[in-house]
Amino acid sequence: MSTQHTKIQLLAHASFKLTTPEGRIILIDPWYTDNPYLPADLAVPEKVDLILLTHGHDDHLDKKIIEYIRNNSPKVIACPGVRAYLLNNSVPSHVFEPMNTGGTVSLLDVRITMTNAFHPAHITQPDGKLGYLHNPVGFIIWLSDDISVYYSGDTSVFGDMALIGEIYEPDIAILPIGDRFTMGPLEAAFATRLLKVNHVIPCHYGTVPSLTGTPERLKELTQDLGHLEIHVLKAGEVLDTSTLKLKQW
């Protein structure tokens, strides 16, 4: 069944579900297990076509999702460190589309580019020890309705976001704004300018007391950008991209 236009759903925190125009389901950093911010009626979809994993912190790499991958074999694109961890933990190699930063792959009517991110990461082992230190990534996702989405992952602002904007020209940027562990509103405002995007979806804020950044502050810091729309989604809320005006800078 075709949805005709891309739909972007905030699951909770920094987890997203994209429904493509062809009706395929893409999960980005899905966190379902013991997620107190996830609406009770949201469960792992019965059919998932593609899972994108930016890094291995517990709020982005859900052990329940690992089991889902083992049992259902959706396609998976993960940063190399997370892919190594999954391969060493009984996830079959055939589910992966191996890639690294700067590369692009086409599958399931979408194109995926892996980008840099700056957020030193690790994976918590079953015994509680930390391991698999790795570099995180972000993703550019091109959909068949000519919508392109930049999911930055957990990151600081960095100057090469200007290159991401120039090379890939994303329509929508999904950016963390919580501060302390990622960008706050100040840095996200600079990221918005570097990327030259017309639409921003803030995430990774307000879920724990230490994540103090707010969409209101981001709006204050970008009020001079008349073309910019900031879409503040509640957990479970869906943005239908057919409603967006894709203006040019």
C-alpha atoms as a PDB file:
ATOM      1  CA  MET A   1       0.000   0.000   0.000  1.00  0.00           C
ATOM      2  CA  SER A   2       1.468   3.357  -1.024  1.00  0.00           C
ATOM      3  CA  THR A   3       1.468   6.288   1.384  1.00  0.00           C
ATOM      4  CA  GLN A   4       2.355   8.603  -1.537  1.00  0.00           C
ATOM      5  CA  HIS A   5       4.353  10.889   0.744  1.00  0.00           C
ATOM      6  CA  THR A   6       7.021  10.250   3.340  1.00  0.00           C
ATOM      7  CA  LYS A   7       5.818  10.268   6.934  1.00  0.00           C
ATOM      8  CA  ILE A   8       8.165  10.871   9.874  1.00  0.00           C
ATOM      9  CA  GLN A   9       7.108   9.717  13.330  1.00  0.00           C
ATOM     10  CA  LEU A  10       8.921  10.582  16.534  1.00  0.00           C
ATOM     11  CA  LEU A  11       8.719   7.441  18.632  1.00  0.00           C
ATOM     12  CA  ALA A  12      10.402   8.996  21.675  1.00  0.00           C
ATOM     13  CA  HIS A  13      13.632  10.723  22.685  1.00  0.00           C
ATOM     14  CA  ALA A  14      15.755  10.252  19.526  1.00  0.00           C
ATOM     15  CA  SER A  15      14.009   7.255  17.958  1.00  0.00           C
ATOM     16  CA  PHE A  16      12.122   7.693  14.693  1.00  0.00           C
ATOM     17  CA  LYS A  17      10.002   5.706  12.294  1.00  0.00           C
ATOM     18  CA  LEU A  18       9.886   6.686   8.625  1.00  0.00           C
ATOM     19  CA  THR A  19       7.171   5.379   6.331  1.00  0.00           C
ATOM     20  CA  THR A  20       8.234   5.654   2.707  1.00  0.00           C
ATOM     21  CA  PRO A  21       5.927   6.469  -0.223  1.00  0.00           C
ATOM     22  CA  GLU A  22       5.978   2.747  -1.020  1.00  0.00           C
ATOM     23  CA  GLY A  23       4.808   1.899   2.495  1.00  0.00           C
ATOM     24  CA  ARG A  24       8.136   0.521   3.693  1.00  0.00           C
ATOM     25  CA  ILE A  25       9.064   1.001   7.358  1.00  0.00           C
ATOM     26  CA  ILE A  26      12.451   2.409   8.375  1.00  0.00           C
ATOM     27  CA  LEU A  27      13.417   2.609  12.046  1.00  0.00           C
ATOM     28  CA  ILE A  28      16.197   4.961  13.138  1.00  0.00           C
ATOM     29  CA  ASP A  29      17.904   4.212  16.463  1.00  0.00           C
ATOM     30  CA  PRO A  30      14.771   2.469  17.780  1.00  0.00           C
ATOM     31  CA  TRP A  31      14.502   2.310  21.574  1.00  0.00           C
ATOM     32  CA  TYR A  32      11.514   0.281  22.752  1.00  0.00           C
ATOM     33  CA  THR A  33      12.727  -1.689  25.779  1.00  0.00           C
ATOM     34  CA  ASP A  34      12.083   0.043  29.120  1.00  0.00           C
ATOM     35  CA  ASN A  35      11.673   3.390  27.375  1.00  0.00           C
ATOM     36  CA  PRO A  36       9.564   5.483  29.771  1.00  0.00           C
ATOM     37  CA  TYR A  37       9.011   8.180  27.138  1.00  0.00           C
ATOM     38  CA  LEU A  38       7.473   5.859  24.535  1.00  0.00           C
ATOM     39  CA  PRO A  39       3.657   5.940  24.308  1.00  0.00           C
ATOM     40  CA  ALA A  40       2.181   2.696  25.621  1.00  0.00           C
ATOM     41  CA  ASP A  41       0.419   1.918  22.332  1.00  0.00           C
ATOM     42  CA  LEU A  42       3.632   1.980  20.284  1.00  0.00           C
ATOM     43  CA  ALA A  43       5.268  -1.399  19.751  1.00  0.00           C
ATOM     44  CA  VAL A  44       7.857  -2.683  17.313  1.00  0.00           C
ATOM     45  CA  PRO A  45       6.037  -2.908  13.966  1.00  0.00           C
ATOM     46  CA  GLU A  46       5.270  -6.425  12.817  1.00  0.00           C
ATOM     47  CA  LYS A  47       7.130  -5.736   9.566  1.00  0.00           C
ATOM     48  CA  VAL A  48      10.245  -3.558   9.501  1.00  0.00           C
ATOM     49  CA  ASP A  49      12.137  -3.215   6.229  1.00  0.00           C
ATOM     50  CA  LEU A  50      15.255  -1.282   7.280  1.00  0.00           C
ATOM     51  CA  ILE A  51      16.924  -0.327  10.567  1.00  0.00           C
ATOM     52  CA  LEU A  52      19.513   2.461  10.760  1.00  0.00           C
ATOM     53  CA  LEU A  53      21.843   2.545  13.781  1.00  0.00           C
ATOM     54  CA  THR A  54      24.076   5.543  14.436  1.00  0.00           C
ATOM     55  CA  HIS A  55      25.892   4.280  17.549  1.00  0.00           C
ATOM     56  CA  GLY A  56      25.723   1.858  20.429  1.00  0.00           C
ATOM     57  CA  HIS A  57      24.586   3.826  23.484  1.00  0.00           C
ATOM     58  CA  ASP A  58      21.699   2.178  25.308  1.00  0.00           C
ATOM     59  CA  ASP A  59      19.154   4.802  24.223  1.00  0.00           C
ATOM     60  CA  HIS A  60      19.967   4.084  20.566  1.00  0.00           C
ATOM     61  CA  LEU A  61      20.842   0.364  20.444  1.00  0.00           C
ATOM     62  CA  ASP A  62      17.965  -1.569  21.999  1.00  0.00           C
ATOM     63  CA  LYS A  63      18.649  -5.187  22.962  1.00  0.00           C
ATOM     64  CA  LYS A  64      15.021  -6.024  22.043  1.00  0.00           C
ATOM     65  CA  ILE A  65      15.723  -4.738  18.531  1.00  0.00           C
ATOM     66  CA  ILE A  66      18.803  -6.970  18.318  1.00  0.00           C
ATOM     67  CA  GLU A  67      16.560  -9.963  19.011  1.00  0.00           C
ATOM     68  CA  TYR A  68      14.054  -8.677  16.452  1.00  0.00           C
ATOM     69  CA  ILE A  69      16.841  -8.512  13.843  1.00  0.00           C
ATOM     70  CA  ARG A  70      17.897 -12.094  14.611  1.00  0.00           C
ATOM     71  CA  ASN A  71      14.336 -13.363  14.239  1.00  0.00           C
ATOM     72  CA  ASN A  72      13.026 -11.260  11.338  1.00  0.00           C
ATOM     73  CA  SER A  73      16.068 -10.295   9.230  1.00  0.00           C
ATOM     74  CA  PRO A  74      15.250  -6.706   8.244  1.00  0.00           C
ATOM     75  CA  LYS A  75      18.031  -4.971   6.349  1.00  0.00           C
ATOM     76  CA  VAL A  76      20.399  -3.164   8.732  1.00  0.00           C
ATOM     77  CA  ILE A  77      22.796  -0.284   8.171  1.00  0.00           C
ATOM     78  CA  ALA A  78      24.924   0.419  11.224  1.00  0.00           C
ATOM     79  CA  CYS A  79      28.104   2.291  11.984  1.00  0.00           C
ATOM     80  CA  PRO A  80      31.073  -0.117  11.691  1.00  0.00           C
ATOM     81  CA  GLY A  81      31.574  -0.460  15.457  1.00  0.00           C
ATOM     82  CA  VAL A  82      27.960  -1.431  16.058  1.00  0.00           C
ATOM     83  CA  ARG A  83      27.987  -3.765  13.063  1.00  0.00           C
ATOM     84  CA  ALA A  84      31.035  -5.556  14.526  1.00  0.00           C
ATOM     85  CA  TYR A  85      29.273  -5.915  17.868  1.00  0.00           C
ATOM     86  CA  LEU A  86      26.137  -7.342  16.263  1.00  0.00           C
ATOM     87  CA  LEU A  87      28.109  -9.779  14.123  1.00  0.00           C
ATOM     88  CA  ASN A  88      29.868 -10.994  17.262  1.00  0.00           C
ATOM     89  CA  ASN A  89      26.510 -11.468  18.962  1.00  0.00           C
ATOM     90  CA  SER A  90      24.827 -13.891  16.590  1.00  0.00           C
ATOM     91  CA  VAL A  91      23.267 -11.408  14.163  1.00  0.00           C
ATOM     92  CA  PRO A  92      23.608 -13.026  10.714  1.00  0.00           C
ATOM     93  CA  SER A  93      25.825 -11.201   8.246  1.00  0.00           C
ATOM     94  CA  HIS A  94      23.261 -11.313   5.427  1.00  0.00           C
ATOM     95  CA  VAL A  95      21.064  -8.664   7.089  1.00  0.00           C
ATOM     96  CA  PHE A  96      23.735  -5.976   6.801  1.00  0.00           C
ATOM     97  CA  GLU A  97      24.403  -3.473   4.062  1.00  0.00           C
ATOM     98  CA  PRO A  98      28.045  -2.759   5.008  1.00  0.00           C
ATOM     99  CA  MET A  99      29.187   0.814   4.478  1.00  0.00           C
ATOM    100  CA  ASN A 100      31.236   3.587   6.036  1.00  0.00           C
ATOM    101  CA  THR A 101      31.225   7.380   6.235  1.00  0.00           C
ATOM    102  CA  GLY A 102      31.038   9.133   2.885  1.00  0.00           C
ATOM    103  CA  GLY A 103      29.495   6.137   1.147  1.00  0.00           C
ATOM    104  CA  THR A 104      26.031   5.786  -0.355  1.00  0.00           C
ATOM    105  CA  VAL A 105      23.932   2.677  -0.952  1.00  0.00           C
ATOM    106  CA  SER A 106      20.594   2.202  -2.717  1.00  0.00           C
ATOM    107  CA  LEU A 107      18.034  -0.306  -1.485  1.00  0.00           C
ATOM    108  CA  LEU A 108      14.286  -0.651  -0.928  1.00  0.00           C
ATOM    109  CA  ASP A 109      13.520   2.452  -3.038  1.00  0.00           C
ATOM    110  CA  VAL A 110      15.684   4.701  -0.845  1.00  0.00           C
ATOM    111  CA  ARG A 111      19.276   5.915  -0.920  1.00  0.00           C
ATOM    112  CA  ILE A 112      21.300   6.132   2.279  1.00  0.00           C
ATOM    113  CA  THR A 113      24.505   8.123   2.790  1.00  0.00           C
ATOM    114  CA  MET A 114      26.519   7.693   5.980  1.00  0.00           C
ATOM    115  CA  THR A 115      27.965  10.926   7.412  1.00  0.00           C
ATOM    116  CA  ASN A 116      30.337  11.877  10.198  1.00  0.00           C
ATOM    117  CA  ALA A 117      29.168  12.605  13.721  1.00  0.00           C
ATOM    118  CA  PHE A 118      31.148  13.576  16.824  1.00  0.00           C
ATOM    119  CA  HIS A 119      30.042  11.755  19.975  1.00  0.00           C
ATOM    120  CA  PRO A 120      32.498   9.146  21.344  1.00  0.00           C
ATOM    121  CA  ALA A 121      30.473   6.000  21.971  1.00  0.00           C
ATOM    122  CA  HIS A 122      30.607   2.579  23.568  1.00  0.00           C
ATOM    123  CA  ILE A 123      28.383  -0.459  24.017  1.00  0.00           C
ATOM    124  CA  THR A 124      27.418  -1.736  27.464  1.00  0.00           C
ATOM    125  CA  GLN A 125      28.089  -5.468  27.650  1.00  0.00           C
ATOM    126  CA  PRO A 126      25.689  -7.959  29.315  1.00  0.00           C
ATOM    127  CA  ASP A 127      28.028  -8.070  32.338  1.00  0.00           C
ATOM    128  CA  GLY A 128      27.834  -4.286  32.665  1.00  0.00           C
ATOM    129  CA  LYS A 129      31.328  -3.628  31.350  1.00  0.00           C
ATOM    130  CA  LEU A 130      31.892  -1.057  28.618  1.00  0.00           C
ATOM    131  CA  GLY A 131      33.372  -2.124  25.302  1.00  0.00           C
ATOM    132  CA  TYR A 132      33.370  -1.607  21.549  1.00  0.00           C
ATOM    133  CA  LEU A 133      34.516   2.013  21.635  1.00  0.00           C
ATOM    134  CA  HIS A 134      33.530   3.480  18.285  1.00  0.00           C
ATOM    135  CA  ASN A 135      32.801   6.560  16.223  1.00  0.00           C
ATOM    136  CA  PRO A 136      29.122   7.353  15.669  1.00  0.00           C
ATOM    137  CA  VAL A 137      27.584   8.377  12.357  1.00  0.00           C
ATOM    138  CA  GLY A 138      24.653  10.238  10.881  1.00  0.00           C
ATOM    139  CA  PHE A 139      22.560   9.455   7.804  1.00  0.00           C
ATOM    140  CA  ILE A 140      21.147  11.218   4.769  1.00  0.00           C
ATOM    141  CA  ILE A 141      18.002   9.442   3.591  1.00  0.00           C
ATOM    142  CA  TRP A 142      16.603  10.120   0.126  1.00  0.00           C
ATOM    143  CA  LEU A 143      13.000   9.051  -0.472  1.00  0.00           C
ATOM    144  CA  SER A 144      11.244   8.473  -3.796  1.00  0.00           C
ATOM    145  CA  ASP A 145       9.023  11.564  -3.368  1.00  0.00           C
ATOM    146  CA  ASP A 146      12.173  13.743  -3.567  1.00  0.00           C
ATOM    147  CA  ILE A 147      12.261  14.330   0.196  1.00  0.00           C
ATOM    148  CA  SER A 148      15.699  14.100   1.784  1.00  0.00           C
ATOM    149  CA  VAL A 149      16.199  13.780   5.541  1.00  0.00           C
ATOM    150  CA  TYR A 150      19.405  14.342   7.489  1.00  0.00           C
ATOM    151  CA  TYR A 151      19.440  12.468  10.786  1.00  0.00           C
ATOM    152  CA  SER A 152      22.540  13.799  12.505  1.00  0.00           C
ATOM    153  CA  GLY A 153      22.577  11.296  15.343  1.00  0.00           C
ATOM    154  CA  ASP A 154      23.994  12.358  18.675  1.00  0.00           C
ATOM    155  CA  THR A 155      26.652  14.918  17.818  1.00  0.00           C
ATOM    156  CA  SER A 156      28.203  18.268  18.454  1.00  0.00           C
ATOM    157  CA  VAL A 157      27.992  20.918  15.774  1.00  0.00           C
ATOM    158  CA  PHE A 158      30.923  20.682  13.364  1.00  0.00           C
ATOM    159  CA  GLY A 159      32.059  22.843  10.479  1.00  0.00           C
ATOM    160  CA  ASP A 160      31.658  20.127   7.855  1.00  0.00           C
ATOM    161  CA  MET A 161      27.911  20.334   8.317  1.00  0.00           C
ATOM    162  CA  ALA A 162      28.297  23.081   5.723  1.00  0.00           C
ATOM    163  CA  LEU A 163      29.624  20.435   3.323  1.00  0.00           C
ATOM    164  CA  ILE A 164      26.730  18.130   4.185  1.00  0.00           C
ATOM    165  CA  GLY A 165      24.369  20.972   3.313  1.00  0.00           C
ATOM    166  CA  GLU A 166      26.211  21.846   0.112  1.00  0.00           C
ATOM    167  CA  ILE A 167      26.690  18.306  -1.180  1.00  0.00           C
ATOM    168  CA  TYR A 168      23.435  16.633  -0.152  1.00  0.00           C
ATOM    169  CA  GLU A 169      21.019  19.592   0.222  1.00  0.00           C
ATOM    170  CA  PRO A 170      18.726  17.923   2.778  1.00  0.00           C
ATOM    171  CA  ASP A 171      15.174  19.204   3.077  1.00  0.00           C
ATOM    172  CA  ILE A 172      14.740  18.212   6.723  1.00  0.00           C
ATOM    173  CA  ALA A 173      17.292  17.965   9.526  1.00  0.00           C
ATOM    174  CA  ILE A 174      16.615  15.931  12.661  1.00  0.00           C
ATOM    175  CA  LEU A 175      18.926  17.444  15.284  1.00  0.00           C
ATOM    176  CA  PRO A 176      19.514  16.834  19.003  1.00  0.00           C
ATOM    177  CA  ILE A 177      19.053  19.929  21.156  1.00  0.00           C
ATOM    178  CA  GLY A 178      19.203  18.594  24.726  1.00  0.00           C
ATOM    179  CA  ASP A 179      22.709  19.887  25.549  1.00  0.00           C
ATOM    180  CA  ARG A 180      25.246  18.277  27.922  1.00  0.00           C
ATOM    181  CA  PHE A 181      25.716  15.110  25.840  1.00  0.00           C
ATOM    182  CA  THR A 182      24.919  16.562  22.395  1.00  0.00           C
ATOM    183  CA  MET A 183      24.273  19.910  20.803  1.00  0.00           C
ATOM    184  CA  GLY A 184      22.123  22.343  22.697  1.00  0.00           C
ATOM    185  CA  PRO A 185      19.911  24.979  21.066  1.00  0.00           C
ATOM    186  CA  LEU A 186      22.862  27.330  20.482  1.00  0.00           C
ATOM    187  CA  GLU A 187      24.848  24.739  18.564  1.00  0.00           C
ATOM    188  CA  ALA A 188      21.757  23.436  16.771  1.00  0.00           C
ATOM    189  CA  ALA A 189      21.018  26.979  15.595  1.00  0.00           C
ATOM    190  CA  PHE A 190      24.499  27.111  14.056  1.00  0.00           C
ATOM    191  CA  ALA A 191      24.014  23.651  12.569  1.00  0.00           C
ATOM    192  CA  THR A 192      20.786  24.844  10.945  1.00  0.00           C
ATOM    193  CA  ARG A 193      22.658  27.714   9.311  1.00  0.00           C
ATOM    194  CA  LEU A 194      25.513  25.495   8.142  1.00  0.00           C
ATOM    195  CA  LEU A 195      23.112  22.927   6.673  1.00  0.00           C
ATOM    196  CA  LYS A 196      20.847  25.568   5.086  1.00  0.00           C
ATOM    197  CA  VAL A 197      17.782  23.454   5.760  1.00  0.00           C
ATOM    198  CA  ASN A 198      14.235  24.727   5.655  1.00  0.00           C
ATOM    199  CA  HIS A 199      12.836  22.269   8.210  1.00  0.00           C
ATOM    200  CA  VAL A 200      14.186  21.067  11.548  1.00  0.00           C
ATOM    201  CA  ILE A 201      12.818  18.391  13.871  1.00  0.00           C
ATOM    202  CA  PRO A 202      14.429  18.700  17.325  1.00  0.00           C
ATOM    203  CA  CYS A 203      14.991  15.588  19.425  1.00  0.00           C
ATOM    204  CA  HIS A 204      16.994  14.199  22.368  1.00  0.00           C
ATOM    205  CA  TYR A 205      15.717  16.807  24.836  1.00  0.00           C
ATOM    206  CA  GLY A 206      13.450  17.006  27.861  1.00  0.00           C
ATOM    207  CA  THR A 207      13.439  13.287  28.638  1.00  0.00           C
ATOM    208  CA  VAL A 208      15.777  13.531  31.652  1.00  0.00           C
ATOM    209  CA  PRO A 209      16.444  16.602  33.821  1.00  0.00           C
ATOM    210  CA  SER A 210      19.997  17.040  32.535  1.00  0.00           C
ATOM    211  CA  LEU A 211      18.785  17.533  28.949  1.00  0.00           C
ATOM    212  CA  THR A 212      17.817  21.147  29.404  1.00  0.00           C
ATOM    213  CA  GLY A 213      17.701  22.434  25.821  1.00  0.00           C
ATOM    214  CA  THR A 214      14.265  23.441  24.555  1.00  0.00           C
ATOM    215  CA  PRO A 215      12.633  23.995  21.163  1.00  0.00           C
ATOM    216  CA  GLU A 216      11.568  27.443  22.358  1.00  0.00           C
ATOM    217  CA  ARG A 217      15.193  28.464  22.799  1.00  0.00           C
ATOM    218  CA  LEU A 218      16.063  27.060  19.363  1.00  0.00           C
ATOM    219  CA  LYS A 219      13.240  29.131  17.873  1.00  0.00           C
ATOM    220  CA  GLU A 220      14.572  32.265  19.612  1.00  0.00           C
ATOM    221  CA  LEU A 221      18.047  31.680  18.195  1.00  0.00           C
ATOM    222  CA  THR A 222      16.783  31.156  14.645  1.00  0.00           C
ATOM    223  CA  GLN A 223      14.002  33.738  14.486  1.00  0.00           C
ATOM    224  CA  ASP A 224      15.948  35.673  11.833  1.00  0.00           C
ATOM    225  CA  LEU A 225      15.618  32.707   9.440  1.00  0.00           C
ATOM    226  CA  GLY A 226      12.275  33.519   7.871  1.00  0.00           C
ATOM    227  CA  HIS A 227      12.276  30.390   5.716  1.00  0.00           C
ATOM    228  CA  LEU A 228      12.805  28.005   8.642  1.00  0.00           C
ATOM    229  CA  GLU A 229      10.072  25.818  10.124  1.00  0.00           C
ATOM    230  CA  ILE A 230      10.772  23.989  13.386  1.00  0.00           C
ATOM    231  CA  HIS A 231       8.505  20.995  13.842  1.00  0.00           C
ATOM    232  CA  VAL A 232       8.143  20.148  17.526  1.00  0.00           C
ATOM    233  CA  LEU A 233       6.758  16.616  17.633  1.00  0.00           C
ATOM    234  CA  LYS A 234       5.347  14.925  20.694  1.00  0.00           C
ATOM    235  CA  ALA A 235       6.218  11.267  21.258  1.00  0.00           C
ATOM    236  CA  GLY A 236       4.151   9.275  18.785  1.00  0.00           C
ATOM    237  CA  GLU A 237       3.300  12.275  16.604  1.00  0.00           C
ATOM    238  CA  VAL A 238       3.641  11.999  12.821  1.00  0.00           C
ATOM    239  CA  LEU A 239       4.819  14.665  10.375  1.00  0.00           C
ATOM    240  CA  ASP A 240       3.347  14.216   6.889  1.00  0.00           C
ATOM    241  CA  THR A 241       5.927  15.719   4.531  1.00  0.00           C
ATOM    242  CA  SER A 242       3.259  16.462   1.930  1.00  0.00           C
ATOM    243  CA  THR A 243       2.330  19.486   4.081  1.00  0.00           C
ATOM    244  CA  LEU A 244       5.820  21.034   3.908  1.00  0.00           C
ATOM    245  CA  LYS A 245       6.836  23.959   1.803  1.00  0.00           C
ATOM    246  CA  LEU A 246      10.262  23.181   0.422  1.00  0.00           C
ATOM    247  CA  LYS A 247      11.578  26.690  -0.069  1.00  0.00           C
ATOM    248  CA  GLN A 248      15.081  27.576  -1.226  1.00  0.00           C
ATOM    249  CA  TRP A 249      17.653  29.571   0.705  1.00  0.00           C
END
